[in-house]
Amino acid sequence: MQRVVDVAAYILQKKRRLTGYQLQKLLYYCQAWCLATSGERLFRDPVQAWEHGPVVYRVYREHAQCYDVAFGDVPGDASAVDARAASVIDAVLASYSGLNGEELERLSHSERPWMDAFDGTSSTCSPEIDVETMERYYSHLMASGESVRAAHHVPRFDCPQRICVSDATLDWLSSIV
């Protein structure tokens, strides 16, 4: 498991500069897609459901007073991110990094894990987004049709550790085995 500050440093090393909104949402999507592809968390820190979308407080407190966050602003070690984690992060960055902070906020607000967790508060006591809900939801997106996958910017993974299929495909596979 990675340290969230190392994941943030890795993202910032790749992107050089992001808004705080972008960094927070990208951390969330990295966690979500790691759960969907491996069933394991990328990092231990909770992701909370704040008013403007998912937030990892441990990283937020490093950039809370800044609009932009640059490489070096978060005290992490990008080189500590292992190859497996880096492949997930790279896929997430390829899929989502063209979106600005407001677009990432709208996207995360349209998805079940944030909607289920958000209770109207936006602080350090905001509820945690449930990792099992994230895993189920994003695994389902992986098995969805191309239009749904495109609308949600589902990353393309070189070699997922788990295969996600729709219920109909599972029924068909079960019938031939």
Protein backbone atom coordinates (compact mmCIF):
# COMPACT_ATOMS: atom_id res chain seq x y z
CA MET A 1 0.00 0.00 0.00
CA GLN A 2 1.25 3.46 -0.91
CA ARG A 3 1.42 6.57 1.27
CA VAL A 4 -1.10 9.12 -0.01
CA VAL A 5 1.50 11.90 0.07
CA ASP A 6 3.73 9.80 -2.20
CA VAL A 7 0.82 9.28 -4.61
CA ALA A 8 0.15 13.03 -4.59
CA ALA A 9 3.85 13.74 -5.23
CA TYR A 10 3.83 11.22 -8.10
CA ILE A 11 0.79 12.91 -9.68
CA LEU A 12 2.35 16.35 -9.28
CA GLN A 13 5.66 15.14 -10.69
CA LYS A 14 3.81 13.97 -13.80
CA LYS A 15 1.50 17.01 -14.14
CA ARG A 16 3.85 19.66 -12.62
CA ARG A 17 0.97 21.92 -11.45
CA LEU A 18 -2.72 21.33 -10.72
CA THR A 19 -5.48 23.10 -8.87
CA GLY A 20 -6.28 21.72 -5.44
CA TYR A 21 -9.62 20.54 -6.86
CA GLN A 22 -7.88 18.58 -9.60
CA LEU A 23 -5.36 16.98 -7.25
CA GLN A 24 -8.06 15.90 -4.79
CA LYS A 25 -10.32 14.40 -7.45
CA LEU A 26 -7.40 12.63 -9.14
CA LEU A 27 -6.42 11.08 -5.80
CA TYR A 28 -10.01 9.88 -5.42
CA TYR A 29 -10.11 8.36 -8.90
CA CYS A 30 -6.73 6.69 -8.35
CA GLN A 31 -8.11 5.06 -5.19
CA ALA A 32 -11.37 4.10 -6.94
CA TRP A 33 -9.73 2.49 -9.96
CA CYS A 34 -7.17 0.66 -7.84
CA LEU A 35 -10.07 -0.82 -5.89
CA ALA A 36 -11.92 -1.72 -9.09
CA THR A 37 -8.95 -3.40 -10.76
CA SER A 38 -7.33 -5.16 -7.80
CA GLY A 39 -9.79 -5.13 -4.90
CA GLU A 40 -7.11 -3.38 -2.85
CA ARG A 41 -6.73 0.18 -1.63
CA LEU A 42 -4.01 2.30 -3.21
CA PHE A 43 -3.55 4.21 0.06
CA ARG A 44 -4.88 3.85 3.59
CA ASP A 45 -6.11 7.43 4.19
CA PRO A 46 -9.87 7.95 3.98
CA VAL A 47 -11.47 9.88 1.15
CA GLN A 48 -14.15 12.17 2.55
CA ALA A 49 -17.29 13.48 0.82
CA TRP A 50 -16.96 17.26 0.98
CA GLU A 51 -19.28 19.78 -0.67
CA HIS A 52 -17.03 20.22 -3.70
CA GLY A 53 -16.29 16.52 -4.07
CA PRO A 54 -13.94 13.91 -2.66
CA VAL A 55 -11.09 15.10 -0.42
CA VAL A 56 -8.17 13.31 1.21
CA TYR A 57 -7.64 15.53 4.23
CA ARG A 58 -4.02 14.51 4.82
CA VAL A 59 -3.10 15.99 1.43
CA TYR A 60 -5.63 18.84 1.63
CA ARG A 61 -3.98 20.31 4.71
CA GLU A 62 -0.71 20.60 2.73
CA HIS A 63 -2.32 22.84 0.08
CA ALA A 64 -5.35 24.31 1.87
CA GLN A 65 -4.23 27.93 1.44
CA CYS A 66 -3.23 27.59 -2.22
CA TYR A 67 -5.27 27.58 -5.43
CA ASP A 68 -2.51 25.85 -7.40
CA VAL A 69 -0.40 22.97 -6.15
CA ALA A 70 2.99 22.34 -7.73
CA PHE A 71 5.45 19.49 -7.58
CA GLY A 72 7.26 19.85 -4.25
CA ASP A 73 4.32 21.47 -2.43
CA VAL A 74 3.21 18.14 -0.94
CA PRO A 75 5.94 16.47 1.15
CA GLY A 76 5.90 13.06 -0.50
CA ASP A 77 8.35 10.90 -2.39
CA ALA A 78 7.21 10.22 -5.94
CA SER A 79 9.94 7.56 -6.35
CA ALA A 80 8.40 5.53 -3.50
CA VAL A 81 5.36 4.66 -5.67
CA ASP A 82 5.75 1.09 -6.88
CA ALA A 83 5.34 0.01 -10.51
CA ARG A 84 1.89 -1.54 -10.03
CA ALA A 85 0.53 1.59 -8.39
CA ALA A 86 2.21 3.78 -11.00
CA SER A 87 0.44 1.90 -13.80
CA VAL A 88 -2.96 2.60 -12.20
CA ILE A 89 -2.11 6.25 -11.56
CA ASP A 90 -0.81 6.70 -15.12
CA ALA A 91 -4.03 5.25 -16.56
CA VAL A 92 -6.12 7.57 -14.37
CA LEU A 93 -4.05 10.59 -15.41
CA ALA A 94 -4.43 9.67 -19.08
CA SER A 95 -8.22 9.50 -18.68
CA TYR A 96 -8.97 12.42 -16.36
CA SER A 97 -6.16 14.96 -16.53
CA GLY A 98 -7.75 16.83 -19.44
CA LEU A 99 -10.61 17.82 -17.12
CA ASN A 100 -10.44 20.95 -15.01
CA GLY A 101 -11.36 21.01 -11.33
CA GLU A 102 -14.97 22.01 -11.90
CA GLU A 103 -15.48 19.26 -14.49
CA LEU A 104 -13.98 16.70 -12.11
CA GLU A 105 -16.26 18.01 -9.35
CA ARG A 106 -19.36 17.62 -11.55
CA LEU A 107 -18.30 14.13 -12.58
CA SER A 108 -17.66 12.96 -9.00
CA HIS A 109 -20.99 14.51 -7.91
CA SER A 110 -22.81 12.48 -10.56
CA GLU A 111 -21.44 9.18 -9.26
CA ARG A 112 -22.94 6.97 -6.56
CA PRO A 113 -20.04 6.74 -4.05
CA TRP A 114 -19.94 10.52 -3.41
CA MET A 115 -23.75 10.88 -3.55
CA ASP A 116 -24.23 8.09 -1.00
CA ALA A 117 -21.69 9.58 1.41
CA PHE A 118 -22.27 13.35 1.19
CA ASP A 119 -24.31 14.63 4.12
CA GLY A 120 -24.19 18.37 3.48
CA THR A 121 -21.08 19.08 5.55
CA SER A 122 -17.68 20.11 4.29
CA SER A 123 -15.05 19.76 6.94
CA THR A 124 -12.68 17.34 8.59
CA CYS A 125 -15.72 15.57 10.08
CA SER A 126 -17.35 14.93 6.68
CA PRO A 127 -18.22 11.27 6.14
CA GLU A 128 -15.80 8.88 4.53
CA ILE A 129 -16.66 7.54 1.07
CA ASP A 130 -17.06 3.80 1.58
CA VAL A 131 -14.34 1.81 -0.17
CA GLU A 132 -16.66 -1.13 -0.84
CA THR A 133 -19.14 1.20 -2.55
CA MET A 134 -16.29 2.61 -4.62
CA GLU A 135 -15.08 -0.85 -5.60
CA ARG A 136 -18.57 -2.03 -6.63
CA TYR A 137 -19.46 1.16 -8.49
CA TYR A 138 -16.24 1.48 -10.50
CA SER A 139 -16.10 -2.27 -11.21
CA HIS A 140 -19.61 -1.89 -12.64
CA LEU A 141 -18.45 1.04 -14.80
CA MET A 142 -15.62 -1.11 -16.17
CA ALA A 143 -18.19 -3.67 -17.31
CA SER A 144 -20.53 -1.07 -18.82
CA GLY A 145 -21.04 -0.26 -22.47
CA GLU A 146 -18.72 2.07 -24.34
CA SER A 147 -20.99 5.13 -24.08
CA VAL A 148 -21.15 4.84 -20.28
CA ARG A 149 -17.42 4.19 -20.09
CA ALA A 150 -16.71 7.27 -22.21
CA ALA A 151 -19.08 9.51 -20.20
CA HIS A 152 -17.29 8.51 -16.99
CA HIS A 153 -13.77 8.62 -18.46
CA VAL A 154 -13.10 4.97 -17.54
CA PRO A 155 -9.35 4.44 -17.89
CA ARG A 156 -7.88 1.83 -20.19
CA PHE A 157 -5.72 -0.54 -18.19
CA ASP A 158 -2.99 -2.54 -19.88
CA CYS A 159 -3.52 -5.62 -17.78
CA PRO A 160 -6.26 -5.48 -15.15
CA GLN A 161 -5.86 -7.97 -12.34
CA ARG A 162 -9.59 -8.59 -12.30
CA ILE A 163 -11.97 -8.93 -15.17
CA CYS A 164 -15.29 -7.13 -14.84
CA VAL A 165 -18.21 -8.34 -16.94
CA SER A 166 -21.86 -7.47 -17.09
CA ASP A 167 -24.48 -9.77 -15.55
CA ALA A 168 -25.61 -10.82 -19.04
CA THR A 169 -22.08 -11.77 -20.05
CA LEU A 170 -21.60 -13.68 -16.79
CA ASP A 171 -24.83 -15.61 -17.44
CA TRP A 172 -23.65 -16.45 -20.94
CA LEU A 173 -20.22 -17.55 -19.72
CA SER A 174 -21.83 -19.69 -17.02
CA SER A 175 -24.05 -21.36 -19.61
CA ILE A 176 -21.11 -22.53 -21.72
CA VAL A 177 -18.85 -23.74 -18.94
